[in-house]
N, C-alpha and C. Protein backbone atom coordinates (compact mmCIF):
# COMPACT_ATOMS: atom_id res chain seq x y z
N UNK A 1 0.84 -1.18 0.00
CA UNK A 1 0.00 0.00 0.00
C UNK A 1 0.89 1.24 0.00
N UNK A 2 0.59 2.20 -0.85
CA UNK A 2 1.40 3.41 -0.94
C UNK A 2 0.98 4.40 0.14
N UNK A 3 1.94 5.20 0.56
CA UNK A 3 1.69 6.20 1.58
C UNK A 3 1.02 7.43 0.97
N UNK A 4 0.04 7.98 1.67
CA UNK A 4 -0.63 9.19 1.22
C UNK A 4 0.30 10.37 1.41
N UNK A 5 0.40 11.20 0.39
CA UNK A 5 1.19 12.43 0.49
C UNK A 5 0.32 13.59 0.04
N UNK A 6 0.28 14.62 0.87
CA UNK A 6 -0.44 15.85 0.54
C UNK A 6 0.57 16.97 0.45
N UNK A 7 0.49 17.75 -0.63
CA UNK A 7 1.39 18.88 -0.82
C UNK A 7 0.61 20.18 -0.75
N UNK A 8 1.32 21.23 -0.43
CA UNK A 8 0.68 22.54 -0.38
C UNK A 8 1.71 23.64 -0.25
N UNK A 9 1.20 24.84 -0.05
CA UNK A 9 2.08 25.99 0.09
C UNK A 9 1.31 27.28 0.11
N UNK A 10 2.07 28.35 0.13
CA UNK A 10 1.47 29.68 0.20
C UNK A 10 0.96 30.14 -1.17
N UNK A 11 0.32 31.29 -1.18
CA UNK A 11 -0.27 31.81 -2.41
C UNK A 11 0.76 32.10 -3.49
N UNK A 12 1.92 32.65 -3.12
CA UNK A 12 2.92 33.01 -4.13
C UNK A 12 3.85 31.85 -4.49
N UNK A 13 3.80 30.76 -3.72
CA UNK A 13 4.61 29.58 -4.02
C UNK A 13 6.00 29.60 -3.41
N UNK A 14 6.33 30.62 -2.64
CA UNK A 14 7.66 30.71 -2.04
C UNK A 14 7.90 29.64 -0.98
N UNK A 15 6.87 29.32 -0.20
CA UNK A 15 6.96 28.28 0.83
C UNK A 15 6.10 27.10 0.40
N UNK A 16 6.71 25.92 0.38
CA UNK A 16 6.00 24.70 0.03
C UNK A 16 6.16 23.69 1.17
N UNK A 17 5.22 22.76 1.26
CA UNK A 17 5.33 21.71 2.27
C UNK A 17 4.78 20.40 1.73
N UNK A 18 5.17 19.34 2.42
CA UNK A 18 4.68 17.99 2.13
C UNK A 18 4.28 17.36 3.45
N UNK A 19 3.10 16.76 3.49
CA UNK A 19 2.62 16.03 4.66
C UNK A 19 2.40 14.58 4.23
N UNK A 20 3.10 13.65 4.90
CA UNK A 20 3.07 12.24 4.53
C UNK A 20 2.22 11.45 5.52
N UNK A 21 1.46 10.51 5.01
CA UNK A 21 0.63 9.67 5.87
C UNK A 21 -0.71 10.32 6.15
N UNK A 22 -1.44 9.72 7.05
CA UNK A 22 -2.78 10.20 7.37
C UNK A 22 -2.72 11.32 8.41
N UNK A 23 -3.60 12.28 8.26
CA UNK A 23 -3.76 13.33 9.24
C UNK A 23 -4.35 12.74 10.51
N UNK A 24 -3.92 13.23 11.69
CA UNK A 24 -4.51 12.73 12.94
C UNK A 24 -5.83 13.42 13.24
N UNK A 25 -6.16 14.50 12.52
CA UNK A 25 -7.43 15.17 12.75
C UNK A 25 -7.64 16.33 11.79
N UNK A 26 -8.86 16.46 11.33
CA UNK A 26 -9.23 17.56 10.43
C UNK A 26 -10.47 18.21 11.04
N UNK A 27 -10.30 19.43 11.51
CA UNK A 27 -11.37 20.08 12.26
C UNK A 27 -11.53 21.55 11.89
N UNK A 28 -12.76 22.01 12.00
CA UNK A 28 -13.04 23.44 11.93
C UNK A 28 -12.69 24.00 13.29
N UNK A 29 -11.92 25.07 13.36
CA UNK A 29 -11.57 25.69 14.64
C UNK A 29 -12.24 27.05 14.74
N UNK A 30 -12.93 27.26 15.85
CA UNK A 30 -13.66 28.51 16.09
C UNK A 30 -12.96 29.38 17.13
N UNK A 31 -11.76 29.01 17.58
CA UNK A 31 -11.11 29.79 18.63
C UNK A 31 -10.75 31.19 18.14
N UNK A 32 -10.72 32.11 19.08
CA UNK A 32 -10.43 33.52 18.77
C UNK A 32 -9.08 33.67 18.08
N UNK A 33 -8.05 32.95 18.57
CA UNK A 33 -6.70 33.10 18.01
C UNK A 33 -6.64 32.66 16.55
N UNK A 34 -7.23 31.53 16.21
CA UNK A 34 -7.23 31.07 14.81
C UNK A 34 -7.99 32.04 13.91
N UNK A 35 -9.14 32.50 14.43
CA UNK A 35 -9.93 33.44 13.62
C UNK A 35 -9.14 34.73 13.40
N UNK A 36 -8.49 35.23 14.43
CA UNK A 36 -7.71 36.47 14.33
C UNK A 36 -6.53 36.29 13.36
N UNK A 37 -5.86 35.14 13.44
CA UNK A 37 -4.71 34.87 12.58
C UNK A 37 -5.08 34.85 11.11
N UNK A 38 -6.31 34.45 10.81
CA UNK A 38 -6.75 34.32 9.42
C UNK A 38 -7.72 35.39 8.95
N UNK A 39 -8.28 36.16 9.89
CA UNK A 39 -9.27 37.14 9.50
C UNK A 39 -10.53 36.48 8.97
N UNK A 40 -10.89 35.34 9.54
CA UNK A 40 -12.02 34.55 9.06
C UNK A 40 -12.93 34.18 10.21
N UNK A 41 -14.18 33.85 9.89
CA UNK A 41 -15.14 33.45 10.90
C UNK A 41 -14.86 32.06 11.46
N UNK A 42 -14.18 31.23 10.71
CA UNK A 42 -13.79 29.88 11.13
C UNK A 42 -12.58 29.47 10.30
N UNK A 43 -11.77 28.58 10.84
CA UNK A 43 -10.58 28.09 10.15
C UNK A 43 -10.64 26.57 10.16
N UNK A 44 -10.29 25.94 9.06
CA UNK A 44 -10.25 24.48 9.00
C UNK A 44 -8.79 24.04 8.93
N UNK A 45 -8.41 23.15 9.84
CA UNK A 45 -7.02 22.72 9.98
C UNK A 45 -6.91 21.20 9.85
N UNK A 46 -5.81 20.75 9.24
CA UNK A 46 -5.49 19.33 9.15
C UNK A 46 -4.17 19.12 9.89
N UNK A 47 -4.18 18.22 10.89
CA UNK A 47 -3.02 18.04 11.75
C UNK A 47 -2.15 16.86 11.37
N UNK A 48 -0.83 17.07 11.53
CA UNK A 48 0.17 16.03 11.26
C UNK A 48 1.26 16.09 12.33
N UNK A 49 1.83 14.93 12.66
CA UNK A 49 2.97 14.88 13.56
C UNK A 49 4.19 15.43 12.84
N UNK A 50 5.14 15.96 13.62
CA UNK A 50 6.33 16.60 13.05
C UNK A 50 7.10 15.71 12.09
N UNK A 51 7.19 14.41 12.40
CA UNK A 51 7.96 13.51 11.53
C UNK A 51 7.25 13.20 10.20
N UNK A 52 6.04 13.69 10.03
CA UNK A 52 5.30 13.51 8.77
C UNK A 52 5.47 14.71 7.84
N UNK A 53 6.13 15.76 8.29
CA UNK A 53 6.11 17.05 7.59
C UNK A 53 7.51 17.47 7.15
N UNK A 54 7.58 18.03 5.94
CA UNK A 54 8.82 18.67 5.48
C UNK A 54 8.45 19.93 4.70
N UNK A 55 9.35 20.90 4.75
CA UNK A 55 9.15 22.17 4.06
C UNK A 55 10.23 22.37 3.02
N UNK A 56 9.92 23.15 1.98
CA UNK A 56 10.91 23.50 0.96
C UNK A 56 10.67 24.94 0.52
N UNK A 57 11.60 25.45 -0.25
CA UNK A 57 11.49 26.84 -0.68
C UNK A 57 12.00 27.78 0.39
N UNK A 58 11.40 28.93 0.48
CA UNK A 58 11.83 29.93 1.46
C UNK A 58 11.43 29.51 2.88
N UNK A 59 12.18 30.01 3.84
CA UNK A 59 11.85 29.78 5.25
C UNK A 59 10.55 30.49 5.57
N UNK A 60 9.70 29.82 6.32
CA UNK A 60 8.47 30.48 6.73
C UNK A 60 8.76 31.38 7.92
N UNK A 61 7.98 32.41 8.06
CA UNK A 61 8.10 33.33 9.19
C UNK A 61 7.29 32.75 10.34
N UNK A 62 7.76 32.97 11.56
CA UNK A 62 7.14 32.40 12.75
C UNK A 62 6.71 33.51 13.69
N UNK A 63 5.49 33.38 14.22
CA UNK A 63 4.97 34.30 15.22
C UNK A 63 4.52 33.48 16.42
N UNK A 64 5.05 33.79 17.62
CA UNK A 64 4.63 33.08 18.82
C UNK A 64 3.35 33.74 19.33
N UNK A 65 2.22 33.06 19.12
CA UNK A 65 0.92 33.64 19.47
C UNK A 65 0.56 33.43 20.94
N UNK A 66 1.15 32.44 21.58
CA UNK A 66 0.99 32.21 23.01
C UNK A 66 2.15 31.31 23.43
N UNK A 67 2.43 31.19 24.72
CA UNK A 67 3.56 30.36 25.15
C UNK A 67 3.47 28.93 24.61
N UNK A 68 4.50 28.52 23.88
CA UNK A 68 4.55 27.17 23.33
C UNK A 68 3.80 26.96 22.04
N UNK A 69 3.16 28.01 21.52
CA UNK A 69 2.40 27.91 20.27
C UNK A 69 2.91 28.95 19.29
N UNK A 70 3.24 28.48 18.08
CA UNK A 70 3.64 29.41 17.03
C UNK A 70 2.72 29.23 15.83
N UNK A 71 2.65 30.29 15.06
CA UNK A 71 1.89 30.28 13.82
C UNK A 71 2.85 30.71 12.72
N UNK A 72 2.88 29.94 11.65
CA UNK A 72 3.80 30.23 10.56
C UNK A 72 3.05 30.80 9.37
N UNK A 73 3.76 31.65 8.63
CA UNK A 73 3.18 32.28 7.46
C UNK A 73 4.29 32.58 6.46
N UNK A 74 3.92 32.87 5.22
CA UNK A 74 4.88 33.24 4.20
C UNK A 74 5.28 34.70 4.40
N UNK A 75 6.57 34.96 4.45
CA UNK A 75 7.07 36.32 4.61
C UNK A 75 6.92 37.16 3.36
N UNK A 76 6.67 36.53 2.20
CA UNK A 76 6.51 37.28 0.96
C UNK A 76 5.06 37.68 0.72
N UNK A 77 4.15 36.71 0.75
CA UNK A 77 2.74 37.01 0.42
C UNK A 77 1.83 37.08 1.64
N UNK A 78 2.33 36.64 2.81
CA UNK A 78 1.55 36.72 4.04
C UNK A 78 0.58 35.59 4.28
N UNK A 79 0.53 34.58 3.42
CA UNK A 79 -0.41 33.48 3.61
C UNK A 79 -0.19 32.78 4.94
N UNK A 80 -1.23 32.69 5.80
CA UNK A 80 -1.11 31.89 7.02
C UNK A 80 -1.00 30.42 6.65
N UNK A 81 -0.03 29.71 7.24
CA UNK A 81 0.20 28.32 6.88
C UNK A 81 -0.11 27.33 7.99
N UNK A 82 0.38 27.59 9.22
CA UNK A 82 0.27 26.58 10.27
C UNK A 82 -0.02 27.15 11.65
N UNK A 83 -0.54 26.26 12.47
CA UNK A 83 -0.52 26.35 13.92
C UNK A 83 0.43 25.25 14.34
N UNK A 84 1.42 25.54 15.21
CA UNK A 84 2.41 24.56 15.60
C UNK A 84 2.57 24.56 17.12
N UNK A 85 2.64 23.37 17.70
CA UNK A 85 2.83 23.29 19.13
C UNK A 85 2.89 21.87 19.63
N UNK A 86 2.80 21.73 20.94
CA UNK A 86 2.87 20.43 21.61
C UNK A 86 1.53 19.72 21.46
N UNK A 87 1.55 18.55 20.88
CA UNK A 87 0.34 17.74 20.71
C UNK A 87 0.22 16.65 21.75
N UNK A 88 0.82 16.85 22.93
CA UNK A 88 0.72 15.83 23.98
C UNK A 88 1.38 14.54 23.56
N UNK A 89 0.64 13.44 23.56
CA UNK A 89 1.19 12.13 23.19
C UNK A 89 1.70 12.09 21.75
N UNK A 90 1.21 12.99 20.91
CA UNK A 90 1.65 13.03 19.51
C UNK A 90 3.00 13.72 19.34
N UNK A 91 3.47 14.42 20.38
CA UNK A 91 4.70 15.20 20.26
C UNK A 91 4.42 16.52 19.58
N UNK A 92 5.43 17.08 18.94
CA UNK A 92 5.26 18.35 18.23
C UNK A 92 4.37 18.12 17.02
N UNK A 93 3.41 19.01 16.81
CA UNK A 93 2.48 18.86 15.69
C UNK A 93 2.42 20.12 14.84
N UNK A 94 2.02 19.92 13.60
CA UNK A 94 1.75 20.99 12.66
C UNK A 94 0.30 20.86 12.25
N UNK A 95 -0.47 21.92 12.38
CA UNK A 95 -1.84 21.93 11.85
C UNK A 95 -1.86 22.94 10.71
N UNK A 96 -2.09 22.42 9.51
CA UNK A 96 -2.06 23.23 8.30
C UNK A 96 -3.44 23.79 7.98
N UNK A 97 -3.47 25.04 7.56
CA UNK A 97 -4.72 25.63 7.09
C UNK A 97 -5.09 24.90 5.80
N UNK A 98 -6.27 24.31 5.81
CA UNK A 98 -6.65 23.35 4.78
C UNK A 98 -6.62 23.93 3.37
N UNK A 99 -6.92 25.21 3.23
CA UNK A 99 -6.95 25.79 1.88
C UNK A 99 -5.56 26.07 1.32
N UNK A 100 -4.51 25.80 2.11
CA UNK A 100 -3.15 25.93 1.56
C UNK A 100 -2.69 24.63 0.92
N UNK A 101 -3.46 23.55 1.08
CA UNK A 101 -3.14 22.29 0.39
C UNK A 101 -3.48 22.44 -1.10
N UNK A 102 -2.75 21.74 -1.94
CA UNK A 102 -3.04 21.76 -3.38
C UNK A 102 -4.38 21.10 -3.69
N UNK A 103 -4.77 20.11 -2.91
CA UNK A 103 -6.03 19.40 -3.10
C UNK A 103 -6.80 19.33 -1.78
N UNK A 104 -7.30 20.47 -1.30
CA UNK A 104 -7.96 20.47 0.01
C UNK A 104 -9.23 19.63 0.06
N UNK A 105 -9.84 19.38 -1.06
CA UNK A 105 -11.08 18.59 -1.08
C UNK A 105 -10.86 17.15 -0.63
N UNK A 106 -9.61 16.69 -0.60
CA UNK A 106 -9.31 15.33 -0.14
C UNK A 106 -9.30 15.22 1.38
N UNK A 107 -9.34 16.34 2.07
CA UNK A 107 -9.28 16.38 3.53
C UNK A 107 -10.65 16.78 4.07
N UNK A 108 -11.38 15.82 4.58
CA UNK A 108 -12.76 16.04 5.00
C UNK A 108 -12.82 16.24 6.52
N UNK A 109 -13.36 17.37 6.99
CA UNK A 109 -13.44 17.63 8.43
C UNK A 109 -14.30 16.60 9.15
N UNK A 110 -13.94 16.37 10.44
CA UNK A 110 -14.66 15.41 11.26
C UNK A 110 -15.26 16.04 12.51
N UNK A 111 -15.01 17.33 12.74
CA UNK A 111 -15.55 17.97 13.94
C UNK A 111 -15.27 19.46 13.98
N UNK A 112 -15.74 20.07 15.06
CA UNK A 112 -15.57 21.50 15.32
C UNK A 112 -14.88 21.66 16.67
N UNK A 113 -13.78 22.40 16.71
CA UNK A 113 -13.06 22.67 17.95
C UNK A 113 -13.43 24.04 18.50
N UNK A 114 -13.41 24.18 19.81
CA UNK A 114 -13.66 25.45 20.50
C UNK A 114 -14.98 26.10 20.09
N UNK A 115 -16.03 25.28 20.07
CA UNK A 115 -17.34 25.78 19.66
C UNK A 115 -17.84 26.91 20.56
N UNK A 116 -17.45 26.93 21.82
CA UNK A 116 -17.90 27.99 22.72
C UNK A 116 -17.35 29.36 22.33
N UNK A 117 -16.29 29.38 21.50
CA UNK A 117 -15.73 30.65 21.02
C UNK A 117 -16.27 31.04 19.64
N UNK A 118 -17.18 30.24 19.11
CA UNK A 118 -17.77 30.50 17.80
C UNK A 118 -18.44 31.87 17.79
N UNK A 119 -18.31 32.60 16.69
CA UNK A 119 -19.03 33.86 16.53
C UNK A 119 -20.52 33.52 16.54
N UNK A 120 -21.28 34.19 17.37
CA UNK A 120 -22.68 33.83 17.61
C UNK A 120 -23.53 33.77 16.34
N UNK A 121 -23.26 34.64 15.38
CA UNK A 121 -24.09 34.67 14.17
C UNK A 121 -23.64 33.72 13.08
N UNK A 122 -22.57 32.92 13.37
CA UNK A 122 -22.02 32.02 12.35
C UNK A 122 -22.06 30.58 12.82
N UNK A 123 -22.56 29.69 11.99
CA UNK A 123 -22.48 28.27 12.25
C UNK A 123 -22.48 27.55 10.90
N UNK A 124 -22.00 26.33 10.90
CA UNK A 124 -21.93 25.52 9.68
C UNK A 124 -23.01 24.45 9.76
N UNK A 125 -23.78 24.32 8.70
CA UNK A 125 -24.91 23.38 8.67
C UNK A 125 -24.41 21.97 8.34
N UNK A 126 -23.76 21.34 9.32
CA UNK A 126 -23.38 19.94 9.20
C UNK A 126 -23.75 19.24 10.50
N UNK A 127 -23.65 17.94 10.53
CA UNK A 127 -24.00 17.18 11.74
C UNK A 127 -22.77 16.72 12.52
N UNK A 128 -21.63 17.36 12.29
CA UNK A 128 -20.41 16.97 12.98
C UNK A 128 -20.46 17.37 14.45
N UNK A 129 -19.72 16.65 15.30
CA UNK A 129 -19.69 17.00 16.72
C UNK A 129 -19.01 18.35 16.95
N UNK A 130 -19.56 19.07 17.93
CA UNK A 130 -19.00 20.35 18.36
C UNK A 130 -18.36 20.12 19.72
N UNK A 131 -17.07 20.45 19.85
CA UNK A 131 -16.32 20.23 21.07
C UNK A 131 -16.06 21.53 21.82
N UNK A 132 -15.94 21.41 23.13
CA UNK A 132 -15.65 22.56 23.98
C UNK A 132 -14.23 23.08 23.72
N UNK A 133 -13.27 22.17 23.49
CA UNK A 133 -11.90 22.56 23.22
C UNK A 133 -11.38 21.69 22.07
N UNK A 134 -10.18 21.15 22.21
CA UNK A 134 -9.67 20.25 21.18
C UNK A 134 -10.50 18.96 21.19
N UNK A 135 -10.79 18.39 20.04
CA UNK A 135 -11.60 17.17 19.99
C UNK A 135 -11.07 16.03 20.86
N UNK A 136 -9.75 15.93 21.00
CA UNK A 136 -9.16 14.86 21.80
C UNK A 136 -9.31 15.12 23.30
N UNK A 137 -9.61 16.36 23.69
CA UNK A 137 -9.59 16.76 25.11
C UNK A 137 -10.94 17.14 25.67
N UNK A 138 -11.76 17.77 24.89
CA UNK A 138 -12.99 18.33 25.43
C UNK A 138 -14.21 17.48 25.18
N UNK A 139 -15.25 17.70 25.98
CA UNK A 139 -16.50 16.96 25.77
C UNK A 139 -17.23 17.44 24.52
N UNK A 140 -18.07 16.58 23.98
CA UNK A 140 -18.93 16.96 22.86
C UNK A 140 -20.07 17.80 23.42
N UNK A 141 -20.26 18.98 22.88
CA UNK A 141 -21.33 19.87 23.33
C UNK A 141 -22.65 19.52 22.65
N UNK A 142 -22.58 19.20 21.36
CA UNK A 142 -23.77 18.84 20.59
C UNK A 142 -23.31 18.36 19.21
N UNK A 143 -24.22 17.84 18.43
CA UNK A 143 -23.98 17.50 17.02
C UNK A 143 -24.86 18.45 16.21
N UNK A 144 -24.29 19.02 15.16
CA UNK A 144 -25.06 19.91 14.29
C UNK A 144 -25.08 21.34 14.78
N UNK A 145 -25.62 22.22 13.95
CA UNK A 145 -25.63 23.64 14.27
C UNK A 145 -26.58 23.98 15.42
N UNK A 146 -26.39 25.18 15.96
CA UNK A 146 -27.29 25.65 17.00
C UNK A 146 -28.68 25.86 16.41
N UNK A 147 -29.68 25.77 17.23
CA UNK A 147 -31.07 25.96 16.76
C UNK A 147 -31.52 27.41 16.97
N UNK A 148 -30.96 28.07 17.96
CA UNK A 148 -31.33 29.45 18.29
C UNK A 148 -30.10 30.33 18.19
N UNK A 149 -30.30 31.60 17.92
CA UNK A 149 -29.20 32.56 17.94
C UNK A 149 -28.64 32.94 16.59
N UNK A 150 -29.02 32.24 15.55
CA UNK A 150 -28.55 32.62 14.22
C UNK A 150 -29.56 33.59 13.60
N UNK A 151 -29.05 34.49 12.74
CA UNK A 151 -29.98 35.43 12.10
C UNK A 151 -31.03 34.72 11.27
N UNK A 152 -32.20 35.28 11.20
CA UNK A 152 -33.28 34.74 10.36
C UNK A 152 -33.04 35.21 8.92
N UNK A 153 -33.17 34.29 7.98
CA UNK A 153 -32.87 34.59 6.58
C UNK A 153 -33.96 35.04 5.77
């Protein structure tokens, strides 16, 4: 059986990466920090252990967003690329912004992280579990979107 390889990079192509093997998790993240880093209402990330990842091209720029957590981006075009930090039993991990992959449609989300930080007027109409924090750590709050609190269309 051949190993799955996913490639990606920034908008201008200066920073490229390769992720080998299966992702340990693909989730929509609603936390304030991810939203702020991307300027988006929600961010979708695919996680890989450090030994599954390699980079090529220009060095990515690193910003320490909180103790032990860095976010990488392209210094030329500014594309946000990763959330990086300690994944507990997984060791050091890289979570890639899904739209930086060359074929993001191959990475299907399985849940929502930090649902309590979700912007009140935004939700995604799927039946995936919504977690209080990281899917591996927090309890499931509910499955599917909220029933109350969204604007009437």
